[in-house]
Amino acid sequence: MIDTLLMNDSIDLDQHRAAEHLMNVAFKAGMFIKTPDLTSFGGSKPKNIYSYGLIKFGEITKVLAGEITEAGSDMVVRVVCEDQPVNADELTLLRVGLDAIDRVYFGRKKPGG
């Protein structure tokens, strides 16, 4: 969905990068099924993939909730991570939320903002 929104000029490159960051953090938090880590069979202790990833994911959702409410945060996660469609009203919130992620994690400010 995010790639489609970028190709349709519904979001810009900075917003797309923010969405990819959110997806990456969600993946590292264990929100998606991963293939088994076969290196852990060699006797080394597997990493705890959940604690740090969940903390980072929680930090991002707090940024979103502070900017666009908790319901807005849930919508952004649903659209970005679950590839759900977005309507025109949600698109405005999605942009604002992705701008907040971009500003906090990449230090970018929009022109005129």
PDB file of N, CA and C in Angstrom:
ATOM      1  N   MET A   1       0.828  -1.192   0.000  1.00  0.00           N
ATOM      2  CA  MET A   1       0.000   0.000   0.000  1.00  0.00           C
ATOM      3  C   MET A   1       0.877   1.261   0.000  1.00  0.00           C
ATOM      4  N   ILE A   2       1.931   1.240   0.791  1.00  0.00           N
ATOM      5  CA  ILE A   2       2.784   2.415   0.900  1.00  0.00           C
ATOM      6  C   ILE A   2       3.472   2.712  -0.432  1.00  0.00           C
ATOM      7  N   ASP A   3       3.930   1.681  -1.115  1.00  0.00           N
ATOM      8  CA  ASP A   3       4.558   1.892  -2.422  1.00  0.00           C
ATOM      9  C   ASP A   3       3.552   2.475  -3.418  1.00  0.00           C
ATOM     10  N   THR A   4       2.331   1.981  -3.370  1.00  0.00           N
ATOM     11  CA  THR A   4       1.278   2.493  -4.253  1.00  0.00           C
ATOM     12  C   THR A   4       0.999   3.961  -3.962  1.00  0.00           C
ATOM     13  N   LEU A   5       0.936   4.310  -2.684  1.00  0.00           N
ATOM     14  CA  LEU A   5       0.699   5.707  -2.323  1.00  0.00           C
ATOM     15  C   LEU A   5       1.836   6.601  -2.817  1.00  0.00           C
ATOM     16  N   LEU A   6       3.064   6.109  -2.757  1.00  0.00           N
ATOM     17  CA  LEU A   6       4.202   6.879  -3.253  1.00  0.00           C
ATOM     18  C   LEU A   6       4.111   7.040  -4.770  1.00  0.00           C
ATOM     19  N   MET A   7       3.821   5.962  -5.477  1.00  0.00           N
ATOM     20  CA  MET A   7       3.740   6.028  -6.936  1.00  0.00           C
ATOM     21  C   MET A   7       2.604   6.929  -7.409  1.00  0.00           C
ATOM     22  N   ASN A   8       1.536   7.020  -6.602  1.00  0.00           N
ATOM     23  CA  ASN A   8       0.400   7.889  -6.939  1.00  0.00           C
ATOM     24  C   ASN A   8       0.593   9.317  -6.437  1.00  0.00           C
ATOM     25  N   ASP A   9       1.771   9.616  -5.898  1.00  0.00           N
ATOM     26  CA  ASP A   9       2.066  10.936  -5.324  1.00  0.00           C
ATOM     27  C   ASP A   9       1.142  11.304  -4.177  1.00  0.00           C
ATOM     28  N   SER A  10       0.628  10.297  -3.481  1.00  0.00           N
ATOM     29  CA  SER A  10      -0.207  10.556  -2.302  1.00  0.00           C
ATOM     30  C   SER A  10       0.652  10.809  -1.069  1.00  0.00           C
ATOM     31  N   ILE A  11       1.862  10.269  -1.059  1.00  0.00           N
ATOM     32  CA  ILE A  11       2.841  10.561  -0.017  1.00  0.00           C
ATOM     33  C   ILE A  11       4.158  10.891  -0.708  1.00  0.00           C
ATOM     34  N   ASP A  12       5.044  11.574   0.014  1.00  0.00           N
ATOM     35  CA  ASP A  12       6.335  11.928  -0.579  1.00  0.00           C
ATOM     36  C   ASP A  12       7.425  10.939  -0.144  1.00  0.00           C
ATOM     37  N   LEU A  13       8.628  11.146  -0.628  1.00  0.00           N
ATOM     38  CA  LEU A  13       9.733  10.227  -0.334  1.00  0.00           C
ATOM     39  C   LEU A  13      10.076  10.188   1.150  1.00  0.00           C
ATOM     40  N   ASP A  14      10.020  11.311   1.830  1.00  0.00           N
ATOM     41  CA  ASP A  14      10.299  11.330   3.271  1.00  0.00           C
ATOM     42  C   ASP A  14       9.249  10.527   4.033  1.00  0.00           C
ATOM     43  N   GLN A  15       7.998  10.673   3.650  1.00  0.00           N
ATOM     44  CA  GLN A  15       6.922   9.916   4.295  1.00  0.00           C
ATOM     45  C   GLN A  15       7.071   8.424   4.002  1.00  0.00           C
ATOM     46  N   HIS A  16       7.479   8.082   2.795  1.00  0.00           N
ATOM     47  CA  HIS A  16       7.702   6.685   2.442  1.00  0.00           C
ATOM     48  C   HIS A  16       8.838   6.101   3.275  1.00  0.00           C
ATOM     49  N   ARG A  17       9.920   6.875   3.440  1.00  0.00           N
ATOM     50  CA  ARG A  17      11.043   6.419   4.265  1.00  0.00           C
ATOM     51  C   ARG A  17      10.578   6.191   5.708  1.00  0.00           C
ATOM     52  N   ALA A  18       9.738   7.090   6.226  1.00  0.00           N
ATOM     53  CA  ALA A  18       9.212   6.936   7.580  1.00  0.00           C
ATOM     54  C   ALA A  18       8.371   5.660   7.685  1.00  0.00           C
ATOM     55  N   ALA A  19       7.572   5.389   6.659  1.00  0.00           N
ATOM     56  CA  ALA A  19       6.756   4.164   6.654  1.00  0.00           C
ATOM     57  C   ALA A  19       7.650   2.928   6.621  1.00  0.00           C
ATOM     58  N   GLU A  20       8.703   2.961   5.827  1.00  0.00           N
ATOM     59  CA  GLU A  20       9.627   1.824   5.787  1.00  0.00           C
ATOM     60  C   GLU A  20      10.308   1.635   7.134  1.00  0.00           C
ATOM     61  N   HIS A  21      10.634   2.723   7.808  1.00  0.00           N
ATOM     62  CA  HIS A  21      11.229   2.631   9.141  1.00  0.00           C
ATOM     63  C   HIS A  21      10.254   1.965  10.104  1.00  0.00           C
ATOM     64  N   LEU A  22       8.989   2.386  10.068  1.00  0.00           N
ATOM     65  CA  LEU A  22       7.967   1.780  10.919  1.00  0.00           C
ATOM     66  C   LEU A  22       7.836   0.293  10.623  1.00  0.00           C
ATOM     67  N   MET A  23       7.809  -0.083   9.351  1.00  0.00           N
ATOM     68  CA  MET A  23       7.707  -1.508   8.994  1.00  0.00           C
ATOM     69  C   MET A  23       8.910  -2.288   9.506  1.00  0.00           C
ATOM     70  N   ASN A  24      10.102  -1.727   9.372  1.00  0.00           N
ATOM     71  CA  ASN A  24      11.314  -2.393   9.825  1.00  0.00           C
ATOM     72  C   ASN A  24      11.289  -2.606  11.342  1.00  0.00           C
ATOM     73  N   VAL A  25      10.890  -1.584  12.079  1.00  0.00           N
ATOM     74  CA  VAL A  25      10.815  -1.700  13.539  1.00  0.00           C
ATOM     75  C   VAL A  25       9.753  -2.731  13.929  1.00  0.00           C
ATOM     76  N   ALA A  26       8.616  -2.724  13.248  1.00  0.00           N
ATOM     77  CA  ALA A  26       7.559  -3.696  13.532  1.00  0.00           C
ATOM     78  C   ALA A  26       8.050  -5.116  13.257  1.00  0.00           C
ATOM     79  N   PHE A  27       8.792  -5.304  12.184  1.00  0.00           N
ATOM     80  CA  PHE A  27       9.351  -6.610  11.852  1.00  0.00           C
ATOM     81  C   PHE A  27      10.314  -7.062  12.947  1.00  0.00           C
ATOM     82  N   LYS A  28      11.189  -6.163  13.367  1.00  0.00           N
ATOM     83  CA  LYS A  28      12.158  -6.504  14.414  1.00  0.00           C
ATOM     84  C   LYS A  28      11.488  -6.756  15.762  1.00  0.00           C
ATOM     85  N   ALA A  29      10.300  -6.190  15.956  1.00  0.00           N
ATOM     86  CA  ALA A  29       9.556  -6.402  17.193  1.00  0.00           C
ATOM     87  C   ALA A  29       8.824  -7.738  17.188  1.00  0.00           C
ATOM     88  N   GLY A  30       8.881  -8.451  16.060  1.00  0.00           N
ATOM     89  CA  GLY A  30       8.248  -9.758  15.987  1.00  0.00           C
ATOM     90  C   GLY A  30       6.794  -9.717  15.578  1.00  0.00           C
ATOM     91  N   MET A  31       6.364  -8.626  14.976  1.00  0.00           N
ATOM     92  CA  MET A  31       4.969  -8.532  14.554  1.00  0.00           C
ATOM     93  C   MET A  31       4.688  -9.375  13.315  1.00  0.00           C
ATOM     94  N   PHE A  32       5.734  -9.775  12.606  1.00  0.00           N
ATOM     95  CA  PHE A  32       5.586 -10.582  11.407  1.00  0.00           C
ATOM     96  C   PHE A  32       6.306 -11.903  11.612  1.00  0.00           C
ATOM     97  N   ILE A  33       5.845 -12.913  10.938  1.00  0.00           N
ATOM     98  CA  ILE A  33       6.492 -14.218  11.019  1.00  0.00           C
ATOM     99  C   ILE A  33       7.834 -14.151  10.312  1.00  0.00           C
ATOM    100  N   LYS A  34       8.845 -14.689  10.974  1.00  0.00           N
ATOM    101  CA  LYS A  34      10.183 -14.729  10.401  1.00  0.00           C
ATOM    102  C   LYS A  34      10.557 -16.180  10.129  1.00  0.00           C
ATOM    103  N   THR A  35      11.449 -16.352   9.191  1.00  0.00           N
ATOM    104  CA  THR A  35      11.990 -17.688   8.982  1.00  0.00           C
ATOM    105  C   THR A  35      12.883 -18.023  10.162  1.00  0.00           C
ATOM    106  N   PRO A  36      13.060 -19.304  10.463  1.00  0.00           N
ATOM    107  CA  PRO A  36      13.886 -19.681  11.611  1.00  0.00           C
ATOM    108  C   PRO A  36      15.321 -19.199  11.443  1.00  0.00           C
ATOM    109  N   ASP A  37      15.933 -18.831  12.555  1.00  0.00           N
ATOM    110  CA  ASP A  37      17.335 -18.440  12.584  1.00  0.00           C
ATOM    111  C   ASP A  37      18.158 -19.698  12.792  1.00  0.00           C
ATOM    112  N   LEU A  38      18.673 -20.253  11.708  1.00  0.00           N
ATOM    113  CA  LEU A  38      19.396 -21.515  11.792  1.00  0.00           C
ATOM    114  C   LEU A  38      20.736 -21.376  12.488  1.00  0.00           C
ATOM    115  N   THR A  39      21.239 -20.177  12.637  1.00  0.00           N
ATOM    116  CA  THR A  39      22.513 -20.004  13.338  1.00  0.00           C
ATOM    117  C   THR A  39      22.373 -20.336  14.814  1.00  0.00           C
ATOM    118  N   SER A  40      21.173 -20.285  15.347  1.00  0.00           N
ATOM    119  CA  SER A  40      20.990 -20.575  16.766  1.00  0.00           C
ATOM    120  C   SER A  40      21.132 -22.071  17.063  1.00  0.00           C
ATOM    121  N   PHE A  41      21.117 -22.916  16.029  1.00  0.00           N
ATOM    122  CA  PHE A  41      21.277 -24.353  16.260  1.00  0.00           C
ATOM    123  C   PHE A  41      22.717 -24.735  16.541  1.00  0.00           C
ATOM    124  N   GLY A  42      23.641 -23.838  16.308  1.00  0.00           N
ATOM    125  CA  GLY A  42      25.046 -24.113  16.536  1.00  0.00           C
ATOM    126  C   GLY A  42      25.442 -24.032  17.992  1.00  0.00           C
ATOM    127  N   GLY A  43      24.507 -23.901  18.895  1.00  0.00           N
ATOM    128  CA  GLY A  43      24.805 -23.842  20.303  1.00  0.00           C
ATOM    129  C   GLY A  43      24.854 -22.423  20.847  1.00  0.00           C
ATOM    130  N   SER A  44      24.847 -21.450  19.962  1.00  0.00           N
ATOM    131  CA  SER A  44      24.857 -20.080  20.470  1.00  0.00           C
ATOM    132  C   SER A  44      23.462 -19.723  20.966  1.00  0.00           C
ATOM    133  N   LYS A  45      23.444 -18.843  21.921  1.00  0.00           N
ATOM    134  CA  LYS A  45      22.169 -18.440  22.505  1.00  0.00           C
ATOM    135  C   LYS A  45      21.447 -17.494  21.537  1.00  0.00           C
ATOM    136  N   PRO A  46      20.188 -17.798  21.168  1.00  0.00           N
ATOM    137  CA  PRO A  46      19.462 -16.903  20.255  1.00  0.00           C
ATOM    138  C   PRO A  46      19.190 -15.565  20.931  1.00  0.00           C
ATOM    139  N   LYS A  47      19.170 -14.511  20.111  1.00  0.00           N
ATOM    140  CA  LYS A  47      18.887 -13.171  20.616  1.00  0.00           C
ATOM    141  C   LYS A  47      17.419 -13.062  21.002  1.00  0.00           C
ATOM    142  N   ASN A  48      17.164 -12.241  21.964  1.00  0.00           N
ATOM    143  CA  ASN A  48      15.780 -11.930  22.308  1.00  0.00           C
ATOM    144  C   ASN A  48      15.299 -10.882  21.317  1.00  0.00           C
ATOM    145  N   ILE A  49      14.552 -11.307  20.307  1.00  0.00           N
ATOM    146  CA  ILE A  49      14.128 -10.393  19.246  1.00  0.00           C
ATOM    147  C   ILE A  49      12.979  -9.497  19.680  1.00  0.00           C
ATOM    148  N   TYR A  50      12.392  -9.778  20.841  1.00  0.00           N
ATOM    149  CA  TYR A  50      11.182  -9.067  21.200  1.00  0.00           C
ATOM    150  C   TYR A  50      11.411  -7.826  22.045  1.00  0.00           C
ATOM    151  N   SER A  51      12.173  -7.906  23.114  1.00  0.00           N
ATOM    152  CA  SER A  51      12.201  -6.814  24.080  1.00  0.00           C
ATOM    153  C   SER A  51      12.637  -5.493  23.460  1.00  0.00           C
ATOM    154  N   TYR A  52      13.779  -5.430  22.821  1.00  0.00           N
ATOM    155  CA  TYR A  52      14.260  -4.171  22.268  1.00  0.00           C
ATOM    156  C   TYR A  52      13.359  -3.694  21.130  1.00  0.00           C
ATOM    157  N   GLY A  53      12.972  -4.607  20.266  1.00  0.00           N
ATOM    158  CA  GLY A  53      12.104  -4.246  19.146  1.00  0.00           C
ATOM    159  C   GLY A  53      10.760  -3.717  19.603  1.00  0.00           C
ATOM    160  N   LEU A  54      10.194  -4.325  20.624  1.00  0.00           N
ATOM    161  CA  LEU A  54       8.906  -3.862  21.139  1.00  0.00           C
ATOM    162  C   LEU A  54       9.027  -2.487  21.787  1.00  0.00           C
ATOM    163  N   ILE A  55      10.149  -2.242  22.444  1.00  0.00           N
ATOM    164  CA  ILE A  55      10.372  -0.925  23.045  1.00  0.00           C
ATOM    165  C   ILE A  55      10.429   0.137  21.951  1.00  0.00           C
ATOM    166  N   LYS A  56      11.190  -0.132  20.898  1.00  0.00           N
ATOM    167  CA  LYS A  56      11.291   0.825  19.790  1.00  0.00           C
ATOM    168  C   LYS A  56       9.934   1.028  19.113  1.00  0.00           C
ATOM    169  N   PHE A  57       9.201  -0.059  18.916  1.00  0.00           N
ATOM    170  CA  PHE A  57       7.875   0.053  18.309  1.00  0.00           C
ATOM    171  C   PHE A  57       6.958   0.889  19.201  1.00  0.00           C
ATOM    172  N   GLY A  58       7.020   0.663  20.501  1.00  0.00           N
ATOM    173  CA  GLY A  58       6.221   1.439  21.446  1.00  0.00           C
ATOM    174  C   GLY A  58       6.569   2.919  21.409  1.00  0.00           C
ATOM    175  N   GLU A  59       7.860   3.224  21.244  1.00  0.00           N
ATOM    176  CA  GLU A  59       8.275   4.625  21.152  1.00  0.00           C
ATOM    177  C   GLU A  59       7.674   5.300  19.913  1.00  0.00           C
ATOM    178  N   ILE A  60       7.673   4.576  18.802  1.00  0.00           N
ATOM    179  CA  ILE A  60       7.104   5.144  17.573  1.00  0.00           C
ATOM    180  C   ILE A  60       5.599   5.365  17.722  1.00  0.00           C
ATOM    181  N   THR A  61       4.896   4.406  18.316  1.00  0.00           N
ATOM    182  CA  THR A  61       3.454   4.584  18.483  1.00  0.00           C
ATOM    183  C   THR A  61       3.142   5.728  19.445  1.00  0.00           C
ATOM    184  N   LYS A  62       4.023   5.986  20.413  1.00  0.00           N
ATOM    185  CA  LYS A  62       3.827   7.152  21.292  1.00  0.00           C
ATOM    186  C   LYS A  62       3.999   8.452  20.523  1.00  0.00           C
ATOM    187  N   VAL A  63       4.989   8.491  19.632  1.00  0.00           N
ATOM    188  CA  VAL A  63       5.171   9.670  18.780  1.00  0.00           C
ATOM    189  C   VAL A  63       3.912   9.900  17.954  1.00  0.00           C
ATOM    190  N   LEU A  64       3.409   8.822  17.352  1.00  0.00           N
ATOM    191  CA  LEU A  64       2.198   8.938  16.529  1.00  0.00           C
ATOM    192  C   LEU A  64       1.002   9.384  17.354  1.00  0.00           C
ATOM    193  N   ALA A  65       0.796   8.759  18.512  1.00  0.00           N
ATOM    194  CA  ALA A  65      -0.355   9.094  19.349  1.00  0.00           C
ATOM    195  C   ALA A  65      -0.282  10.542  19.823  1.00  0.00           C
ATOM    196  N   GLY A  66       0.916  11.031  20.102  1.00  0.00           N
ATOM    197  CA  GLY A  66       1.069  12.422  20.514  1.00  0.00           C
ATOM    198  C   GLY A  66       0.765  13.405  19.403  1.00  0.00           C
ATOM    199  N   GLU A  67       0.941  12.958  18.180  1.00  0.00           N
ATOM    200  CA  GLU A  67       0.724  13.833  17.029  1.00  0.00           C
ATOM    201  C   GLU A  67      -0.694  13.710  16.466  1.00  0.00           C
ATOM    202  N   ILE A  68      -1.231  12.480  16.414  1.00  0.00           N
ATOM    203  CA  ILE A  68      -2.517  12.266  15.724  1.00  0.00           C
ATOM    204  C   ILE A  68      -3.504  11.408  16.513  1.00  0.00           C
ATOM    205  N   THR A  69      -3.365  11.272  17.772  1.00  0.00           N
ATOM    206  CA  THR A  69      -4.207  10.468  18.669  1.00  0.00           C
ATOM    207  C   THR A  69      -3.876   8.976  18.578  1.00  0.00           C
ATOM    208  N   GLU A  70      -4.315   8.244  19.570  1.00  0.00           N
ATOM    209  CA  GLU A  70      -4.068   6.799  19.606  1.00  0.00           C
ATOM    210  C   GLU A  70      -4.794   6.086  18.467  1.00  0.00           C
ATOM    211  N   ALA A  71      -6.009   6.511  18.176  1.00  0.00           N
ATOM    212  CA  ALA A  71      -6.755   5.915  17.060  1.00  0.00           C
ATOM    213  C   ALA A  71      -6.036   6.171  15.740  1.00  0.00           C
ATOM    214  N   GLY A  72      -5.490   7.368  15.581  1.00  0.00           N
ATOM    215  CA  GLY A  72      -4.714   7.682  14.389  1.00  0.00           C
ATOM    216  C   GLY A  72      -3.468   6.831  14.302  1.00  0.00           C
ATOM    217  N   SER A  73      -2.816   6.619  15.436  1.00  0.00           N
ATOM    218  CA  SER A  73      -1.628   5.762  15.483  1.00  0.00           C
ATOM    219  C   SER A  73      -1.966   4.343  15.038  1.00  0.00           C
ATOM    220  N   ASP A  74      -3.076   3.825  15.543  1.00  0.00           N
ATOM    221  CA  ASP A  74      -3.521   2.485  15.150  1.00  0.00           C
ATOM    222  C   ASP A  74      -3.771   2.404  13.645  1.00  0.00           C
ATOM    223  N   MET A  75      -4.365   3.449  13.085  1.00  0.00           N
ATOM    224  CA  MET A  75      -4.643   3.475  11.654  1.00  0.00           C
ATOM    225  C   MET A  75      -3.344   3.467  10.855  1.00  0.00           C
ATOM    226  N   VAL A  76      -2.349   4.265  11.272  1.00  0.00           N
ATOM    227  CA  VAL A  76      -1.072   4.302  10.556  1.00  0.00           C
ATOM    228  C   VAL A  76      -0.427   2.926  10.580  1.00  0.00           C
ATOM    229  N   VAL A  77      -0.415   2.281  11.732  1.00  0.00           N
ATOM    230  CA  VAL A  77       0.169   0.937  11.836  1.00  0.00           C
ATOM    231  C   VAL A  77      -0.591  -0.033  10.940  1.00  0.00           C
ATOM    232  N   ARG A  78      -1.902   0.064  10.927  1.00  0.00           N
ATOM    233  CA  ARG A  78      -2.719  -0.833  10.097  1.00  0.00           C
ATOM    234  C   ARG A  78      -2.404  -0.637   8.614  1.00  0.00           C
ATOM    235  N   VAL A  79      -2.319   0.603   8.179  1.00  0.00           N
ATOM    236  CA  VAL A  79      -2.058   0.892   6.764  1.00  0.00           C
ATOM    237  C   VAL A  79      -0.634   0.474   6.385  1.00  0.00           C
ATOM    238  N   VAL A  80       0.337   0.852   7.213  1.00  0.00           N
ATOM    239  CA  VAL A  80       1.737   0.600   6.883  1.00  0.00           C
ATOM    240  C   VAL A  80       2.114  -0.862   7.073  1.00  0.00           C
ATOM    241  N   CYS A  81       1.776  -1.430   8.212  1.00  0.00           N
ATOM    242  CA  CYS A  81       2.256  -2.773   8.552  1.00  0.00           C
ATOM    243  C   CYS A  81       1.356  -3.895   8.053  1.00  0.00           C
ATOM    244  N   GLU A  82       0.078  -3.619   7.946  1.00  0.00           N
ATOM    245  CA  GLU A  82      -0.856  -4.660   7.514  1.00  0.00           C
ATOM    246  C   GLU A  82      -1.323  -4.450   6.084  1.00  0.00           C
ATOM    247  N   ASP A  83      -0.777  -3.433   5.422  1.00  0.00           N
ATOM    248  CA  ASP A  83      -1.057  -3.175   4.012  1.00  0.00           C
ATOM    249  C   ASP A  83      -2.546  -2.960   3.747  1.00  0.00           C
ATOM    250  N   GLN A  84      -3.217  -2.267   4.670  1.00  0.00           N
ATOM    251  CA  GLN A  84      -4.648  -2.007   4.544  1.00  0.00           C
ATOM    252  C   GLN A  84      -4.874  -0.747   3.706  1.00  0.00           C
ATOM    253  N   PRO A  85      -5.980  -0.695   2.969  1.00  0.00           N
ATOM    254  CA  PRO A  85      -6.272   0.517   2.177  1.00  0.00           C
ATOM    255  C   PRO A  85      -6.564   1.702   3.086  1.00  0.00           C
ATOM    256  N   VAL A  86      -6.410   2.880   2.531  1.00  0.00           N
ATOM    257  CA  VAL A  86      -6.620   4.115   3.278  1.00  0.00           C
ATOM    258  C   VAL A  86      -7.617   4.982   2.506  1.00  0.00           C
ATOM    259  N   ASN A  87      -8.567   5.592   3.237  1.00  0.00           N
ATOM    260  CA  ASN A  87      -9.515   6.487   2.565  1.00  0.00           C
ATOM    261  C   ASN A  87      -8.974   7.916   2.603  1.00  0.00           C
ATOM    262  N   ALA A  88      -9.681   8.839   1.991  1.00  0.00           N
ATOM    263  CA  ALA A  88      -9.194  10.215   1.854  1.00  0.00           C
ATOM    264  C   ALA A  88      -8.983  10.889   3.209  1.00  0.00           C
ATOM    265  N   ASP A  89      -9.906  10.671   4.153  1.00  0.00           N
ATOM    266  CA  ASP A  89      -9.759  11.270   5.480  1.00  0.00           C
ATOM    267  C   ASP A  89      -8.553  10.698   6.211  1.00  0.00           C
ATOM    268  N   GLU A  90      -8.377   9.388   6.111  1.00  0.00           N
ATOM    269  CA  GLU A  90      -7.238   8.739   6.767  1.00  0.00           C
ATOM    270  C   GLU A  90      -5.916   9.147   6.129  1.00  0.00           C
ATOM    271  N   LEU A  91      -5.927   9.433   4.841  1.00  0.00           N
ATOM    272  CA  LEU A  91      -4.696   9.804   4.142  1.00  0.00           C
ATOM    273  C   LEU A  91      -4.071  11.056   4.752  1.00  0.00           C
ATOM    274  N   THR A  92      -4.899  12.004   5.133  1.00  0.00           N
ATOM    275  CA  THR A  92      -4.380  13.218   5.775  1.00  0.00           C
ATOM    276  C   THR A  92      -3.695  12.871   7.093  1.00  0.00           C
ATOM    277  N   LEU A  93      -4.348  12.059   7.911  1.00  0.00           N
ATOM    278  CA  LEU A  93      -3.744  11.627   9.174  1.00  0.00           C
ATOM    279  C   LEU A  93      -2.482  10.808   8.943  1.00  0.00           C
ATOM    280  N   LEU A  94      -2.518   9.952   7.940  1.00  0.00           N
ATOM    281  CA  LEU A  94      -1.350   9.131   7.617  1.00  0.00           C
ATOM    282  C   LEU A  94      -0.152  10.022   7.297  1.00  0.00           C
ATOM    283  N   ARG A  95      -0.370  11.029   6.479  1.00  0.00           N
ATOM    284  CA  ARG A  95       0.722  11.954   6.126  1.00  0.00           C
ATOM    285  C   ARG A  95       1.281  12.659   7.355  1.00  0.00           C
ATOM    286  N   VAL A  96       0.393  13.143   8.207  1.00  0.00           N
ATOM    287  CA  VAL A  96       0.833  13.846   9.421  1.00  0.00           C
ATOM    288  C   VAL A  96       1.622  12.893  10.319  1.00  0.00           C
ATOM    289  N   GLY A  97       1.136  11.680  10.462  1.00  0.00           N
ATOM    290  CA  GLY A  97       1.834  10.696  11.283  1.00  0.00           C
ATOM    291  C   GLY A  97       3.198  10.343  10.721  1.00  0.00           C
ATOM    292  N   LEU A  98       3.278  10.123   9.420  1.00  0.00           N
ATOM    293  CA  LEU A  98       4.565   9.798   8.796  1.00  0.00           C
ATOM    294  C   LEU A  98       5.520  10.985   8.869  1.00  0.00           C
ATOM    295  N   ASP A  99       4.992  12.196   8.760  1.00  0.00           N
ATOM    296  CA  ASP A  99       5.839  13.381   8.930  1.00  0.00           C
ATOM    297  C   ASP A  99       6.414  13.427  10.349  1.00  0.00           C
ATOM    298  N   ALA A 100       5.615  13.046  11.341  1.00  0.00           N
ATOM    299  CA  ALA A 100       6.094  13.036  12.730  1.00  0.00           C
ATOM    300  C   ALA A 100       7.223  12.015  12.901  1.00  0.00           C
ATOM    301  N   ILE A 101       7.055  10.829  12.328  1.00  0.00           N
ATOM    302  CA  ILE A 101       8.115   9.822  12.397  1.00  0.00           C
ATOM    303  C   ILE A 101       9.372  10.349  11.721  1.00  0.00           C
ATOM    304  N   ASP A 102       9.208  10.940  10.562  1.00  0.00           N
ATOM    305  CA  ASP A 102      10.350  11.474   9.823  1.00  0.00           C
ATOM    306  C   ASP A 102      11.066  12.559  10.625  1.00  0.00           C
ATOM    307  N   ARG A 103      10.314  13.433  11.236  1.00  0.00           N
ATOM    308  CA  ARG A 103      10.888  14.538  12.006  1.00  0.00           C
ATOM    309  C   ARG A 103      11.652  14.013  13.222  1.00  0.00           C
ATOM    310  N   VAL A 104      11.065  13.064  13.948  1.00  0.00           N
ATOM    311  CA  VAL A 104      11.678  12.556  15.177  1.00  0.00           C
ATOM    312  C   VAL A 104      12.871  11.644  14.886  1.00  0.00           C
ATOM    313  N   TYR A 105      12.754  10.774  13.901  1.00  0.00           N
ATOM    314  CA  TYR A 105      13.799   9.769  13.674  1.00  0.00           C
ATOM    315  C   TYR A 105      14.819  10.154  12.611  1.00  0.00           C
ATOM    316  N   PHE A 106      14.472  11.108  11.751  1.00  0.00           N
ATOM    317  CA  PHE A 106      15.400  11.501  10.694  1.00  0.00           C
ATOM    318  C   PHE A 106      15.726  12.985  10.743  1.00  0.00           C
ATOM    319  N   GLY A 107      15.086  13.734  11.642  1.00  0.00           N
ATOM    320  CA  GLY A 107      15.387  15.136  11.840  1.00  0.00           C
ATOM    321  C   GLY A 107      15.030  16.047  10.687  1.00  0.00           C
ATOM    322  N   ARG A 108      14.071  15.638   9.877  1.00  0.00           N
ATOM    323  CA  ARG A 108      13.681  16.445   8.718  1.00  0.00           C
ATOM    324  C   ARG A 108      12.514  17.353   9.067  1.00  0.00           C
ATOM    325  N   LYS A 109      12.576  18.543   8.549  1.00  0.00           N
ATOM    326  CA  LYS A 109      11.453  19.480   8.673  1.00  0.00           C
ATOM    327  C   LYS A 109      10.947  19.779   7.279  1.00  0.00           C
ATOM    328  N   LYS A 110       9.648  19.784   7.138  1.00  0.00           N
ATOM    329  CA  LYS A 110       9.037  20.114   5.849  1.00  0.00           C
ATOM    330  C   LYS A 110       9.211  21.598   5.579  1.00  0.00           C
ATOM    331  N   PRO A 111       9.387  21.975   4.329  1.00  0.00           N
ATOM    332  CA  PRO A 111       9.474  23.402   3.978  1.00  0.00           C
ATOM    333  C   PRO A 111       8.206  24.123   4.444  1.00  0.00           C
ATOM    334  N   GLY A 112       8.400  25.256   5.071  1.00  0.00           N
ATOM    335  CA  GLY A 112       7.255  26.027   5.567  1.00  0.00           C
ATOM    336  C   GLY A 112       6.713  25.511   6.868  1.00  0.00           C
ATOM    337  N   GLY A 113       7.354  24.444   7.452  1.00  0.00           N
ATOM    338  CA  GLY A 113       6.828  23.873   8.683  1.00  0.00           C
ATOM    339  C   GLY A 113       7.677  24.128   9.872  1.00  0.00           C
TER     340      GLY A 113
END
